[in-house]
Amino acid sequence: MVMGGVALLLVVTAVFLAVVWRQKRRLDRSYADLYSVNRDFIDTQGRLTERLRGASEALTAKDGEIAALKAELGKAKEPAPEQPEATAVKYQSSSLTDDQARALADAIQDVMENTTAFCDCNFSLSALADLVGSNSKYVSQVINDTFHKSFNDYVNPYRIHLACSRFADTAAYGNLTMKAVAEGVGFKSYTSFVNIFRKVTGIAPSLYRKMALQGAQES
């Protein structure tokens, strides 16, 4: 009976360990998929940024021709599309035209995509406004209307994606602590960094870094 009980216990333990192992493998695969998705997104974003920059330069070169044609044809300016009521009330006193808003949106994206100004932990709406040569009210309006985000929700993904790139760059940043990387991309609070990293990527920064290190070793 004793041997039978021991045998039964061993069988139950073996089944339990098999179930745990299977669940762990499934969880590891899920995390690996999330890591791959985020890495592909960052790589694709970089390529798209280069293409958009080239397209923007081409469009800028055509602006003079378009303006001349409009002047010749005497084409009246089309009315601006109606804004949602809440946004219209918020910015009802704004004198920002559609063309100015588009130009300001391009300037904001240029700062965010081609500089690391947002890595300053004191980076603020007014700081961004100074960099694009505008004021906080107009910058806030463009971020809300064009990108449909608040200032923090617009800036934080840039910080997180840069942190992901630095985790992958083991040669330059492999000796830094997680907290140092967080501070280096503009986060004052490490707890906030972890929470926002999870929100943006779906996984914890420690696990992302571990996978990045494994990828670097395998390559």
N, C-alpha and C. Protein backbone atom coordinates (compact mmCIF):
# COMPACT_ATOMS: atom_id res chain seq x y z
N MET A 1 0.83 -1.20 0.00
CA MET A 1 0.00 0.00 0.00
C MET A 1 0.87 1.27 0.00
N VAL A 2 1.96 1.17 0.80
CA VAL A 2 2.86 2.33 0.85
C VAL A 2 3.47 2.59 -0.52
N MET A 3 3.93 1.52 -1.15
CA MET A 3 4.54 1.67 -2.47
C MET A 3 3.52 2.17 -3.50
N GLY A 4 2.28 1.67 -3.34
CA GLY A 4 1.23 2.13 -4.24
C GLY A 4 0.96 3.61 -4.06
N GLY A 5 0.94 4.04 -2.78
CA GLY A 5 0.71 5.46 -2.52
C GLY A 5 1.83 6.31 -3.06
N VAL A 6 3.08 5.85 -2.89
CA VAL A 6 4.23 6.60 -3.42
C VAL A 6 4.16 6.68 -4.95
N ALA A 7 3.79 5.56 -5.55
CA ALA A 7 3.70 5.54 -7.02
C ALA A 7 2.64 6.52 -7.50
N LEU A 8 1.48 6.53 -6.81
CA LEU A 8 0.41 7.46 -7.18
C LEU A 8 0.87 8.90 -7.04
N LEU A 9 1.58 9.17 -5.94
CA LEU A 9 2.08 10.53 -5.71
C LEU A 9 3.05 10.95 -6.81
N LEU A 10 3.91 10.02 -7.22
CA LEU A 10 4.86 10.32 -8.29
C LEU A 10 4.15 10.60 -9.61
N VAL A 11 3.10 9.83 -9.88
CA VAL A 11 2.34 10.04 -11.11
C VAL A 11 1.67 11.41 -11.11
N VAL A 12 1.04 11.75 -9.98
CA VAL A 12 0.35 13.05 -9.86
C VAL A 12 1.36 14.18 -10.02
N THR A 13 2.52 14.03 -9.37
CA THR A 13 3.56 15.06 -9.47
C THR A 13 4.05 15.21 -10.90
N ALA A 14 4.24 14.08 -11.58
CA ALA A 14 4.71 14.12 -12.96
C ALA A 14 3.69 14.81 -13.86
N VAL A 15 2.40 14.51 -13.66
CA VAL A 15 1.35 15.15 -14.46
C VAL A 15 1.31 16.65 -14.19
N PHE A 16 1.42 17.02 -12.91
CA PHE A 16 1.41 18.43 -12.54
C PHE A 16 2.59 19.17 -13.19
N LEU A 17 3.78 18.58 -13.13
CA LEU A 17 4.95 19.22 -13.72
C LEU A 17 4.82 19.33 -15.24
N ALA A 18 4.20 18.32 -15.85
CA ALA A 18 4.00 18.36 -17.30
C ALA A 18 3.07 19.51 -17.69
N VAL A 19 2.00 19.70 -16.90
CA VAL A 19 1.05 20.78 -17.16
C VAL A 19 1.72 22.14 -17.00
N VAL A 20 2.50 22.29 -15.91
CA VAL A 20 3.21 23.55 -15.66
C VAL A 20 4.19 23.84 -16.78
N TRP A 21 4.93 22.82 -17.21
CA TRP A 21 5.91 22.99 -18.28
C TRP A 21 5.25 23.42 -19.58
N ARG A 22 4.10 22.79 -19.88
CA ARG A 22 3.38 23.13 -21.10
C ARG A 22 2.89 24.58 -21.05
N GLN A 23 2.35 25.00 -19.90
CA GLN A 23 1.87 26.37 -19.77
C GLN A 23 3.02 27.37 -19.88
N LYS A 24 4.17 27.01 -19.30
CA LYS A 24 5.33 27.90 -19.39
C LYS A 24 5.80 28.05 -20.83
N ARG A 25 5.82 26.96 -21.57
CA ARG A 25 6.21 27.03 -22.98
C ARG A 25 5.24 27.91 -23.76
N ARG A 26 3.96 27.77 -23.49
CA ARG A 26 2.96 28.56 -24.17
C ARG A 26 3.13 30.05 -23.85
N LEU A 27 3.41 30.35 -22.57
CA LEU A 27 3.62 31.74 -22.16
C LEU A 27 4.89 32.31 -22.79
N ASP A 28 5.94 31.50 -22.82
CA ASP A 28 7.19 31.94 -23.45
C ASP A 28 6.99 32.25 -24.92
N ARG A 29 6.21 31.42 -25.62
CA ARG A 29 5.95 31.68 -27.03
C ARG A 29 5.16 32.97 -27.22
N SER A 30 4.21 33.23 -26.31
CA SER A 30 3.43 34.47 -26.40
C SER A 30 4.32 35.69 -26.22
N TYR A 31 5.20 35.63 -25.22
CA TYR A 31 6.12 36.75 -25.00
C TYR A 31 7.07 36.92 -26.18
N ALA A 32 7.53 35.82 -26.74
CA ALA A 32 8.43 35.89 -27.89
C ALA A 32 7.72 36.53 -29.08
N ASP A 33 6.44 36.20 -29.27
CA ASP A 33 5.67 36.81 -30.35
C ASP A 33 5.52 38.31 -30.15
N LEU A 34 5.24 38.72 -28.89
CA LEU A 34 5.11 40.15 -28.60
C LEU A 34 6.43 40.87 -28.85
N TYR A 35 7.52 40.25 -28.46
CA TYR A 35 8.84 40.85 -28.69
C TYR A 35 9.08 41.04 -30.19
N SER A 36 8.78 40.01 -30.98
CA SER A 36 8.98 40.09 -32.43
C SER A 36 8.11 41.17 -33.05
N VAL A 37 6.87 41.27 -32.59
CA VAL A 37 5.97 42.29 -33.12
C VAL A 37 6.51 43.68 -32.85
N ASN A 38 6.99 43.90 -31.63
CA ASN A 38 7.51 45.22 -31.28
C ASN A 38 8.80 45.53 -32.04
N ARG A 39 9.68 44.54 -32.20
CA ARG A 39 10.91 44.76 -32.95
C ARG A 39 10.59 45.08 -34.41
N ASP A 40 9.66 44.34 -35.01
CA ASP A 40 9.27 44.59 -36.39
C ASP A 40 8.65 45.97 -36.54
N PHE A 41 7.85 46.37 -35.54
CA PHE A 41 7.20 47.68 -35.59
C PHE A 41 8.23 48.78 -35.58
N ILE A 42 9.24 48.66 -34.70
CA ILE A 42 10.27 49.69 -34.61
C ILE A 42 11.07 49.77 -35.90
N ASP A 43 11.42 48.61 -36.46
CA ASP A 43 12.17 48.60 -37.72
C ASP A 43 11.35 49.20 -38.85
N THR A 44 10.07 48.82 -38.92
CA THR A 44 9.19 49.35 -39.96
C THR A 44 8.99 50.85 -39.80
N GLN A 45 8.84 51.29 -38.56
CA GLN A 45 8.66 52.72 -38.30
C GLN A 45 9.86 53.52 -38.80
N GLY A 46 11.06 52.97 -38.61
CA GLY A 46 12.25 53.65 -39.09
C GLY A 46 12.26 53.78 -40.60
N ARG A 47 11.89 52.70 -41.29
CA ARG A 47 11.85 52.75 -42.76
C ARG A 47 10.78 53.70 -43.25
N LEU A 48 9.61 53.69 -42.60
CA LEU A 48 8.54 54.60 -43.00
C LEU A 48 8.92 56.05 -42.79
N THR A 49 9.65 56.31 -41.71
CA THR A 49 10.08 57.68 -41.43
C THR A 49 10.96 58.20 -42.56
N GLU A 50 11.87 57.35 -43.04
CA GLU A 50 12.74 57.75 -44.14
C GLU A 50 11.93 58.01 -45.41
N ARG A 51 10.95 57.13 -45.69
CA ARG A 51 10.13 57.32 -46.89
C ARG A 51 9.28 58.59 -46.79
N LEU A 52 8.71 58.82 -45.60
CA LEU A 52 7.88 60.01 -45.41
C LEU A 52 8.70 61.28 -45.54
N ARG A 53 9.96 61.22 -45.06
CA ARG A 53 10.81 62.38 -45.18
C ARG A 53 11.07 62.72 -46.65
N GLY A 54 11.31 61.67 -47.44
CA GLY A 54 11.52 61.89 -48.87
C GLY A 54 10.27 62.42 -49.55
N ALA A 55 9.11 61.86 -49.17
CA ALA A 55 7.84 62.32 -49.76
C ALA A 55 7.56 63.76 -49.37
N SER A 56 7.88 64.11 -48.11
CA SER A 56 7.65 65.47 -47.64
C SER A 56 8.48 66.47 -48.41
N GLU A 57 9.73 66.09 -48.70
CA GLU A 57 10.59 66.99 -49.47
C GLU A 57 10.05 67.18 -50.88
N ALA A 58 9.53 66.10 -51.47
CA ALA A 58 8.97 66.20 -52.82
C ALA A 58 7.73 67.08 -52.83
N LEU A 59 6.88 66.93 -51.80
CA LEU A 59 5.67 67.74 -51.72
C LEU A 59 6.00 69.21 -51.51
N THR A 60 7.02 69.47 -50.70
CA THR A 60 7.42 70.85 -50.45
C THR A 60 7.88 71.51 -51.75
N ALA A 61 8.58 70.75 -52.59
CA ALA A 61 9.05 71.29 -53.86
C ALA A 61 7.89 71.66 -54.79
N LYS A 62 6.75 70.98 -54.58
CA LYS A 62 5.58 71.23 -55.43
C LYS A 62 4.69 72.34 -54.89
N ASP A 63 4.93 72.78 -53.66
CA ASP A 63 4.05 73.78 -53.05
C ASP A 63 3.99 75.07 -53.86
N GLY A 64 5.13 75.51 -54.38
CA GLY A 64 5.15 76.75 -55.16
C GLY A 64 4.32 76.62 -56.42
N GLU A 65 4.43 75.49 -57.10
CA GLU A 65 3.66 75.29 -58.32
C GLU A 65 2.16 75.27 -58.04
N ILE A 66 1.79 74.58 -56.96
CA ILE A 66 0.37 74.49 -56.60
C ILE A 66 -0.19 75.86 -56.25
N ALA A 67 0.60 76.64 -55.49
CA ALA A 67 0.15 77.99 -55.10
C ALA A 67 -0.05 78.86 -56.33
N ALA A 68 0.85 78.75 -57.30
CA ALA A 68 0.74 79.55 -58.52
C ALA A 68 -0.51 79.17 -59.32
N LEU A 69 -0.77 77.86 -59.41
CA LEU A 69 -1.96 77.41 -60.14
C LEU A 69 -3.24 77.89 -59.47
N LYS A 70 -3.25 77.83 -58.13
CA LYS A 70 -4.44 78.30 -57.41
C LYS A 70 -4.66 79.78 -57.64
N ALA A 71 -3.59 80.54 -57.68
CA ALA A 71 -3.70 81.98 -57.89
C ALA A 71 -4.25 82.27 -59.28
N GLU A 72 -3.80 81.51 -60.27
CA GLU A 72 -4.28 81.72 -61.64
C GLU A 72 -5.74 81.35 -61.79
N LEU A 73 -6.11 80.27 -61.18
CA LEU A 73 -7.49 79.80 -61.32
C LEU A 73 -8.45 80.56 -60.41
N GLY A 74 -7.90 81.26 -59.43
CA GLY A 74 -8.76 81.99 -58.51
C GLY A 74 -9.63 81.07 -57.70
N LYS A 75 -9.05 79.93 -57.39
CA LYS A 75 -9.83 78.95 -56.65
C LYS A 75 -10.05 79.40 -55.22
N ALA A 76 -11.28 79.37 -54.82
CA ALA A 76 -11.61 79.78 -53.45
C ALA A 76 -11.19 78.69 -52.48
N LYS A 77 -10.80 79.10 -51.32
CA LYS A 77 -10.39 78.14 -50.30
C LYS A 77 -11.59 77.34 -49.82
N GLU A 78 -11.45 76.03 -49.79
CA GLU A 78 -12.52 75.17 -49.34
C GLU A 78 -12.73 75.33 -47.85
N PRO A 79 -13.98 75.26 -47.42
CA PRO A 79 -14.22 75.38 -45.97
C PRO A 79 -13.59 74.23 -45.21
N ALA A 80 -13.12 74.53 -44.02
CA ALA A 80 -12.50 73.51 -43.18
C ALA A 80 -13.55 72.53 -42.69
N PRO A 81 -13.21 71.26 -42.55
CA PRO A 81 -14.16 70.27 -42.03
C PRO A 81 -14.58 70.60 -40.62
N GLU A 82 -15.82 70.26 -40.31
CA GLU A 82 -16.33 70.54 -38.98
C GLU A 82 -15.59 69.72 -37.94
N GLN A 83 -15.29 70.35 -36.80
CA GLN A 83 -14.62 69.67 -35.71
C GLN A 83 -15.66 69.10 -34.75
N PRO A 84 -15.29 68.09 -33.98
CA PRO A 84 -16.18 67.62 -32.93
C PRO A 84 -16.53 68.76 -32.00
N GLU A 85 -17.70 68.73 -31.44
CA GLU A 85 -18.19 69.83 -30.63
C GLU A 85 -17.25 70.18 -29.48
N ALA A 86 -16.77 69.16 -28.76
CA ALA A 86 -15.92 69.43 -27.61
C ALA A 86 -14.63 70.12 -28.03
N THR A 87 -14.03 69.66 -29.12
CA THR A 87 -12.79 70.26 -29.60
C THR A 87 -13.04 71.66 -30.12
N ALA A 88 -14.16 71.84 -30.82
CA ALA A 88 -14.49 73.15 -31.36
C ALA A 88 -14.64 74.18 -30.24
N VAL A 89 -15.28 73.78 -29.16
CA VAL A 89 -15.47 74.70 -28.04
C VAL A 89 -14.13 75.00 -27.38
N LYS A 90 -13.29 73.99 -27.24
CA LYS A 90 -12.01 74.16 -26.58
C LYS A 90 -11.13 75.14 -27.33
N TYR A 91 -11.16 75.06 -28.68
CA TYR A 91 -10.28 75.90 -29.48
C TYR A 91 -11.06 76.92 -30.31
N GLN A 92 -12.23 77.34 -29.84
CA GLN A 92 -13.05 78.21 -30.64
C GLN A 92 -12.42 79.58 -30.86
N SER A 93 -11.50 79.98 -29.95
CA SER A 93 -10.86 81.28 -30.08
C SER A 93 -9.53 81.18 -30.83
N SER A 94 -9.18 79.97 -31.31
CA SER A 94 -7.91 79.79 -31.99
C SER A 94 -7.97 80.38 -33.40
N SER A 95 -6.88 81.05 -33.78
CA SER A 95 -6.79 81.63 -35.12
C SER A 95 -5.92 80.79 -36.04
N LEU A 96 -5.63 79.55 -35.63
CA LEU A 96 -4.77 78.66 -36.40
C LEU A 96 -5.52 78.15 -37.62
N THR A 97 -4.96 78.40 -38.83
CA THR A 97 -5.60 77.93 -40.06
C THR A 97 -5.23 76.47 -40.31
N ASP A 98 -5.91 75.86 -41.28
CA ASP A 98 -5.62 74.46 -41.62
C ASP A 98 -4.19 74.29 -42.11
N ASP A 99 -3.75 75.21 -42.97
CA ASP A 99 -2.38 75.12 -43.50
C ASP A 99 -1.35 75.28 -42.38
N GLN A 100 -1.62 76.19 -41.47
CA GLN A 100 -0.70 76.39 -40.34
C GLN A 100 -0.67 75.16 -39.44
N ALA A 101 -1.84 74.55 -39.24
CA ALA A 101 -1.92 73.36 -38.40
C ALA A 101 -1.14 72.21 -39.02
N ARG A 102 -1.25 72.05 -40.34
CA ARG A 102 -0.51 70.98 -41.02
C ARG A 102 1.00 71.22 -40.92
N ALA A 103 1.40 72.48 -41.14
CA ALA A 103 2.82 72.81 -41.05
C ALA A 103 3.35 72.59 -39.64
N LEU A 104 2.53 72.94 -38.65
CA LEU A 104 2.94 72.76 -37.26
C LEU A 104 3.01 71.27 -36.91
N ALA A 105 2.08 70.48 -37.42
CA ALA A 105 2.12 69.03 -37.19
C ALA A 105 3.39 68.42 -37.78
N ASP A 106 3.77 68.88 -38.97
CA ASP A 106 5.01 68.39 -39.60
C ASP A 106 6.22 68.77 -38.76
N ALA A 107 6.22 69.99 -38.23
CA ALA A 107 7.34 70.46 -37.41
C ALA A 107 7.44 69.65 -36.11
N ILE A 108 6.29 69.32 -35.53
CA ILE A 108 6.27 68.53 -34.29
C ILE A 108 6.83 67.13 -34.56
N GLN A 109 6.36 66.52 -35.64
CA GLN A 109 6.86 65.18 -35.99
C GLN A 109 8.36 65.19 -36.28
N ASP A 110 8.82 66.27 -36.91
CA ASP A 110 10.25 66.37 -37.22
C ASP A 110 11.08 66.38 -35.94
N VAL A 111 10.62 67.13 -34.94
CA VAL A 111 11.33 67.18 -33.66
C VAL A 111 11.32 65.81 -32.98
N MET A 112 10.16 65.14 -32.99
CA MET A 112 10.03 63.88 -32.29
C MET A 112 10.78 62.74 -32.99
N GLU A 113 10.87 62.80 -34.32
CA GLU A 113 11.45 61.69 -35.07
C GLU A 113 12.93 61.89 -35.40
N ASN A 114 13.38 63.13 -35.38
CA ASN A 114 14.75 63.41 -35.80
C ASN A 114 15.63 64.03 -34.72
N THR A 115 15.10 64.15 -33.52
CA THR A 115 15.90 64.61 -32.39
C THR A 115 15.58 63.74 -31.18
N THR A 116 16.36 63.92 -30.13
CA THR A 116 16.09 63.21 -28.88
C THR A 116 15.75 64.21 -27.78
N ALA A 117 15.14 65.31 -28.17
CA ALA A 117 14.76 66.34 -27.19
C ALA A 117 13.83 65.78 -26.12
N PHE A 118 13.00 64.81 -26.51
CA PHE A 118 12.04 64.22 -25.57
C PHE A 118 12.71 63.37 -24.50
N CYS A 119 14.01 63.11 -24.64
CA CYS A 119 14.73 62.34 -23.63
C CYS A 119 15.03 63.16 -22.38
N ASP A 120 14.85 64.46 -22.47
CA ASP A 120 15.00 65.32 -21.29
C ASP A 120 13.82 65.05 -20.36
N CYS A 121 14.10 64.71 -19.10
CA CYS A 121 13.01 64.39 -18.18
C CYS A 121 12.11 65.59 -17.91
N ASN A 122 12.58 66.80 -18.23
CA ASN A 122 11.79 68.02 -18.05
C ASN A 122 11.14 68.47 -19.36
N PHE A 123 11.17 67.61 -20.37
CA PHE A 123 10.54 67.93 -21.65
C PHE A 123 9.05 68.18 -21.43
N SER A 124 8.58 69.30 -21.92
CA SER A 124 7.20 69.70 -21.66
C SER A 124 6.56 70.26 -22.92
N LEU A 125 5.29 70.58 -22.80
CA LEU A 125 4.56 71.18 -23.92
C LEU A 125 5.19 72.50 -24.33
N SER A 126 5.58 73.30 -23.35
CA SER A 126 6.19 74.60 -23.67
C SER A 126 7.56 74.40 -24.31
N ALA A 127 8.30 73.37 -23.88
CA ALA A 127 9.61 73.09 -24.49
C ALA A 127 9.45 72.69 -25.95
N LEU A 128 8.46 71.85 -26.24
CA LEU A 128 8.19 71.45 -27.61
C LEU A 128 7.75 72.65 -28.44
N ALA A 129 6.94 73.52 -27.85
CA ALA A 129 6.48 74.72 -28.55
C ALA A 129 7.66 75.62 -28.93
N ASP A 130 8.62 75.76 -28.03
CA ASP A 130 9.82 76.55 -28.33
C ASP A 130 10.61 75.95 -29.49
N LEU A 131 10.70 74.63 -29.52
CA LEU A 131 11.48 73.96 -30.57
C LEU A 131 10.85 74.12 -31.95
N VAL A 132 9.51 74.21 -32.01
CA VAL A 132 8.84 74.35 -33.31
C VAL A 132 8.48 75.80 -33.62
N GLY A 133 8.89 76.71 -32.72
CA GLY A 133 8.64 78.13 -32.97
C GLY A 133 7.18 78.53 -32.88
N SER A 134 6.45 77.92 -31.96
CA SER A 134 5.05 78.25 -31.80
C SER A 134 4.76 78.46 -30.32
N ASN A 135 3.50 78.34 -29.93
CA ASN A 135 3.15 78.49 -28.52
C ASN A 135 2.43 77.23 -28.03
N SER A 136 2.36 77.10 -26.72
CA SER A 136 1.82 75.88 -26.11
C SER A 136 0.38 75.61 -26.53
N LYS A 137 -0.41 76.68 -26.69
CA LYS A 137 -1.83 76.50 -27.05
C LYS A 137 -1.96 75.85 -28.42
N TYR A 138 -1.21 76.35 -29.40
CA TYR A 138 -1.30 75.81 -30.75
C TYR A 138 -0.74 74.39 -30.83
N VAL A 139 0.37 74.14 -30.13
CA VAL A 139 0.96 72.81 -30.14
C VAL A 139 0.01 71.80 -29.51
N SER A 140 -0.61 72.18 -28.41
CA SER A 140 -1.59 71.30 -27.76
C SER A 140 -2.77 71.03 -28.68
N GLN A 141 -3.23 72.08 -29.38
CA GLN A 141 -4.36 71.92 -30.30
C GLN A 141 -4.03 70.95 -31.42
N VAL A 142 -2.83 71.08 -32.00
CA VAL A 142 -2.44 70.21 -33.11
C VAL A 142 -2.28 68.76 -32.65
N ILE A 143 -1.68 68.56 -31.48
CA ILE A 143 -1.52 67.20 -30.96
C ILE A 143 -2.89 66.56 -30.71
N ASN A 144 -3.82 67.35 -30.17
CA ASN A 144 -5.17 66.84 -29.90
C ASN A 144 -5.93 66.55 -31.19
N ASP A 145 -5.90 67.51 -32.13
CA ASP A 145 -6.71 67.41 -33.34
C ASP A 145 -6.11 66.48 -34.40
N THR A 146 -4.78 66.55 -34.57
CA THR A 146 -4.13 65.78 -35.64
C THR A 146 -3.77 64.37 -35.21
N PHE A 147 -3.19 64.26 -34.01
CA PHE A 147 -2.73 62.96 -33.54
C PHE A 147 -3.72 62.30 -32.57
N HIS A 148 -4.75 63.05 -32.16
CA HIS A 148 -5.81 62.54 -31.30
C HIS A 148 -5.27 61.96 -29.99
N LYS A 149 -4.31 62.65 -29.41
CA LYS A 149 -3.70 62.21 -28.16
C LYS A 149 -3.43 63.42 -27.27
N SER A 150 -3.25 63.13 -25.99
CA SER A 150 -2.76 64.17 -25.08
C SER A 150 -1.25 64.28 -25.28
N PHE A 151 -0.65 65.30 -24.70
CA PHE A 151 0.80 65.49 -24.85
C PHE A 151 1.57 64.27 -24.35
N ASN A 152 1.26 63.80 -23.15
CA ASN A 152 1.98 62.65 -22.58
C ASN A 152 1.77 61.38 -23.39
N ASP A 153 0.53 61.14 -23.83
CA ASP A 153 0.25 59.94 -24.62
C ASP A 153 0.94 59.99 -25.99
N TYR A 154 1.21 61.21 -26.46
CA TYR A 154 1.91 61.36 -27.74
C TYR A 154 3.42 61.14 -27.57
N VAL A 155 3.98 61.64 -26.47
CA VAL A 155 5.44 61.59 -26.26
C VAL A 155 5.91 60.23 -25.77
N ASN A 156 5.16 59.62 -24.85
CA ASN A 156 5.65 58.40 -24.20
C ASN A 156 5.98 57.25 -25.15
N PRO A 157 5.18 56.97 -26.20
CA PRO A 157 5.57 55.89 -27.12
C PRO A 157 6.93 56.13 -27.78
N TYR A 158 7.26 57.39 -28.08
CA TYR A 158 8.58 57.68 -28.64
C TYR A 158 9.67 57.28 -27.65
N ARG A 159 9.44 57.56 -26.38
CA ARG A 159 10.42 57.21 -25.35
C ARG A 159 10.55 55.69 -25.22
N ILE A 160 9.43 55.01 -25.23
CA ILE A 160 9.45 53.55 -25.07
C ILE A 160 10.12 52.88 -26.27
N HIS A 161 9.83 53.34 -27.48
CA HIS A 161 10.45 52.74 -28.66
C HIS A 161 11.95 52.99 -28.68
N LEU A 162 12.39 54.15 -28.19
CA LEU A 162 13.82 54.40 -28.10
C LEU A 162 14.45 53.48 -27.06
N ALA A 163 13.75 53.25 -25.95
CA ALA A 163 14.25 52.33 -24.93
C ALA A 163 14.39 50.92 -25.52
N CYS A 164 13.43 50.51 -26.33
CA CYS A 164 13.51 49.19 -26.98
C CYS A 164 14.74 49.10 -27.88
N SER A 165 14.99 50.17 -28.62
CA SER A 165 16.16 50.19 -29.50
C SER A 165 17.45 50.12 -28.70
N ARG A 166 17.47 50.78 -27.55
CA ARG A 166 18.67 50.76 -26.72
C ARG A 166 18.86 49.41 -26.04
N PHE A 167 17.78 48.76 -25.69
CA PHE A 167 17.90 47.40 -25.15
C PHE A 167 18.52 46.46 -26.19
N ALA A 168 18.17 46.67 -27.45
CA ALA A 168 18.68 45.81 -28.51
C ALA A 168 20.14 46.15 -28.86
N ASP A 169 20.55 47.39 -28.58
CA ASP A 169 21.92 47.82 -28.87
C ASP A 169 22.81 47.47 -27.68
N THR A 170 23.15 46.22 -27.55
CA THR A 170 23.91 45.75 -26.38
C THR A 170 25.33 46.31 -26.35
N ALA A 171 25.88 46.62 -27.52
CA ALA A 171 27.24 47.13 -27.57
C ALA A 171 27.34 48.50 -26.89
N ALA A 172 26.35 49.35 -27.11
CA ALA A 172 26.39 50.70 -26.57
C ALA A 172 25.70 50.84 -25.22
N TYR A 173 24.65 50.04 -24.98
CA TYR A 173 23.85 50.23 -23.77
C TYR A 173 23.74 48.97 -22.91
N GLY A 174 24.45 47.92 -23.27
CA GLY A 174 24.35 46.67 -22.53
C GLY A 174 24.83 46.75 -21.10
N ASN A 175 25.69 47.73 -20.80
CA ASN A 175 26.23 47.85 -19.43
C ASN A 175 25.38 48.74 -18.54
N LEU A 176 24.31 49.32 -19.09
CA LEU A 176 23.45 50.20 -18.30
C LEU A 176 22.39 49.40 -17.55
N THR A 177 21.99 49.90 -16.39
CA THR A 177 20.89 49.28 -15.65
C THR A 177 19.56 49.65 -16.30
N MET A 178 18.52 48.91 -15.93
CA MET A 178 17.19 49.22 -16.46
C MET A 178 16.77 50.63 -16.09
N LYS A 179 17.07 51.03 -14.87
CA LYS A 179 16.71 52.37 -14.40
C LYS A 179 17.46 53.43 -15.19
N ALA A 180 18.72 53.17 -15.50
CA ALA A 180 19.50 54.13 -16.26
C ALA A 180 18.93 54.31 -17.67
N VAL A 181 18.49 53.22 -18.29
CA VAL A 181 17.87 53.31 -19.61
C VAL A 181 16.58 54.12 -19.52
N ALA A 182 15.80 53.87 -18.49
CA ALA A 182 14.54 54.59 -18.30
C ALA A 182 14.79 56.09 -18.15
N GLU A 183 15.76 56.44 -17.34
CA GLU A 183 16.09 57.85 -17.14
C GLU A 183 16.66 58.46 -18.42
N GLY A 184 17.40 57.64 -19.18
CA GLY A 184 18.02 58.13 -20.40
C GLY A 184 17.03 58.49 -21.49
N VAL A 185 15.82 57.93 -21.44
CA VAL A 185 14.80 58.26 -22.44
C VAL A 185 13.75 59.22 -21.90
N GLY A 186 13.98 59.73 -20.68
CA GLY A 186 13.11 60.81 -20.20
C GLY A 186 12.18 60.52 -19.05
N PHE A 187 12.27 59.33 -18.44
CA PHE A 187 11.36 59.00 -17.34
C PHE A 187 12.00 59.32 -15.99
N LYS A 188 11.30 60.11 -15.19
CA LYS A 188 11.78 60.41 -13.84
C LYS A 188 11.52 59.24 -12.90
N SER A 189 10.40 58.55 -13.11
CA SER A 189 10.00 57.45 -12.25
C SER A 189 10.17 56.11 -12.97
N TYR A 190 10.92 55.19 -12.34
CA TYR A 190 11.11 53.87 -12.94
C TYR A 190 9.80 53.09 -12.96
N THR A 191 8.98 53.29 -11.93
CA THR A 191 7.67 52.62 -11.88
C THR A 191 6.80 53.04 -13.05
N SER A 192 6.81 54.34 -13.36
CA SER A 192 6.04 54.83 -14.51
C SER A 192 6.56 54.24 -15.81
N PHE A 193 7.88 54.14 -15.90
CA PHE A 193 8.50 53.54 -17.09
C PHE A 193 8.02 52.11 -17.29
N VAL A 194 8.04 51.32 -16.23
CA VAL A 194 7.62 49.92 -16.32
C VAL A 194 6.15 49.82 -16.75
N ASN A 195 5.30 50.63 -16.12
CA ASN A 195 3.87 50.58 -16.43
C ASN A 195 3.59 50.99 -17.87
N ILE A 196 4.24 52.08 -18.32
CA ILE A 196 4.01 52.56 -19.68
C ILE A 196 4.63 51.62 -20.70
N PHE A 197 5.77 51.02 -20.36
CA PHE A 197 6.40 50.04 -21.26
C PHE A 197 5.46 48.86 -21.48
N ARG A 198 4.87 48.37 -20.40
CA ARG A 198 3.90 47.26 -20.53
C ARG A 198 2.71 47.68 -21.40
N LYS A 199 2.25 48.91 -21.20
CA LYS A 199 1.07 49.39 -21.94
C LYS A 199 1.37 49.50 -23.43
N VAL A 200 2.57 49.96 -23.77
CA VAL A 200 2.92 50.17 -25.18
C VAL A 200 3.30 48.87 -25.87
N THR A 201 4.11 48.02 -25.21
CA THR A 201 4.63 46.82 -25.86
C THR A 201 3.90 45.54 -25.51
N GLY A 202 3.24 45.52 -24.34
CA GLY A 202 2.53 44.31 -23.92
C GLY A 202 3.35 43.40 -23.03
N ILE A 203 4.64 43.70 -22.84
CA ILE A 203 5.50 42.88 -21.98
C ILE A 203 6.34 43.77 -21.08
N ALA A 204 6.92 43.18 -20.05
CA ALA A 204 7.73 43.93 -19.10
C ALA A 204 9.08 44.29 -19.73
N PRO A 205 9.66 45.42 -19.35
CA PRO A 205 10.96 45.80 -19.92
C PRO A 205 12.07 44.81 -19.60
N SER A 206 12.02 44.18 -18.42
CA SER A 206 13.06 43.21 -18.06
C SER A 206 13.03 42.02 -19.00
N LEU A 207 11.82 41.55 -19.35
CA LEU A 207 11.70 40.42 -20.27
C LEU A 207 12.11 40.83 -21.68
N TYR A 208 11.74 42.05 -22.08
CA TYR A 208 12.11 42.54 -23.41
C TYR A 208 13.63 42.60 -23.53
N ARG A 209 14.27 43.11 -22.50
CA ARG A 209 15.73 43.20 -22.53
C ARG A 209 16.38 41.81 -22.57
N LYS A 210 15.81 40.88 -21.82
CA LYS A 210 16.34 39.51 -21.81
C LYS A 210 16.27 38.91 -23.20
N MET A 211 15.13 39.11 -23.89
CA MET A 211 14.99 38.58 -25.24
C MET A 211 15.93 39.28 -26.21
N ALA A 212 16.13 40.60 -26.01
CA ALA A 212 17.05 41.33 -26.87
C ALA A 212 18.48 40.81 -26.71
N LEU A 213 18.86 40.51 -25.49
CA LEU A 213 20.20 39.96 -25.22
C LEU A 213 20.36 38.57 -25.84
N GLN A 214 19.30 37.76 -25.73
CA GLN A 214 19.35 36.43 -26.35
C GLN A 214 19.47 36.54 -27.86
N GLY A 215 18.73 37.48 -28.43
CA GLY A 215 18.80 37.68 -29.88
C GLY A 215 20.18 38.13 -30.33
N ALA A 216 20.81 39.00 -29.52
CA ALA A 216 22.13 39.48 -29.86
C ALA A 216 23.16 38.35 -29.78
N GLN A 217 23.02 37.48 -28.78
CA GLN A 217 23.94 36.36 -28.63
C GLN A 217 23.80 35.34 -29.74
N GLU A 218 22.56 35.12 -30.17
CA GLU A 218 22.31 34.14 -31.23
C GLU A 218 22.83 34.63 -32.59
N SER A 219 22.78 35.97 -32.78
CA SER A 219 23.24 36.51 -34.04
C SER A 219 24.75 36.71 -34.04
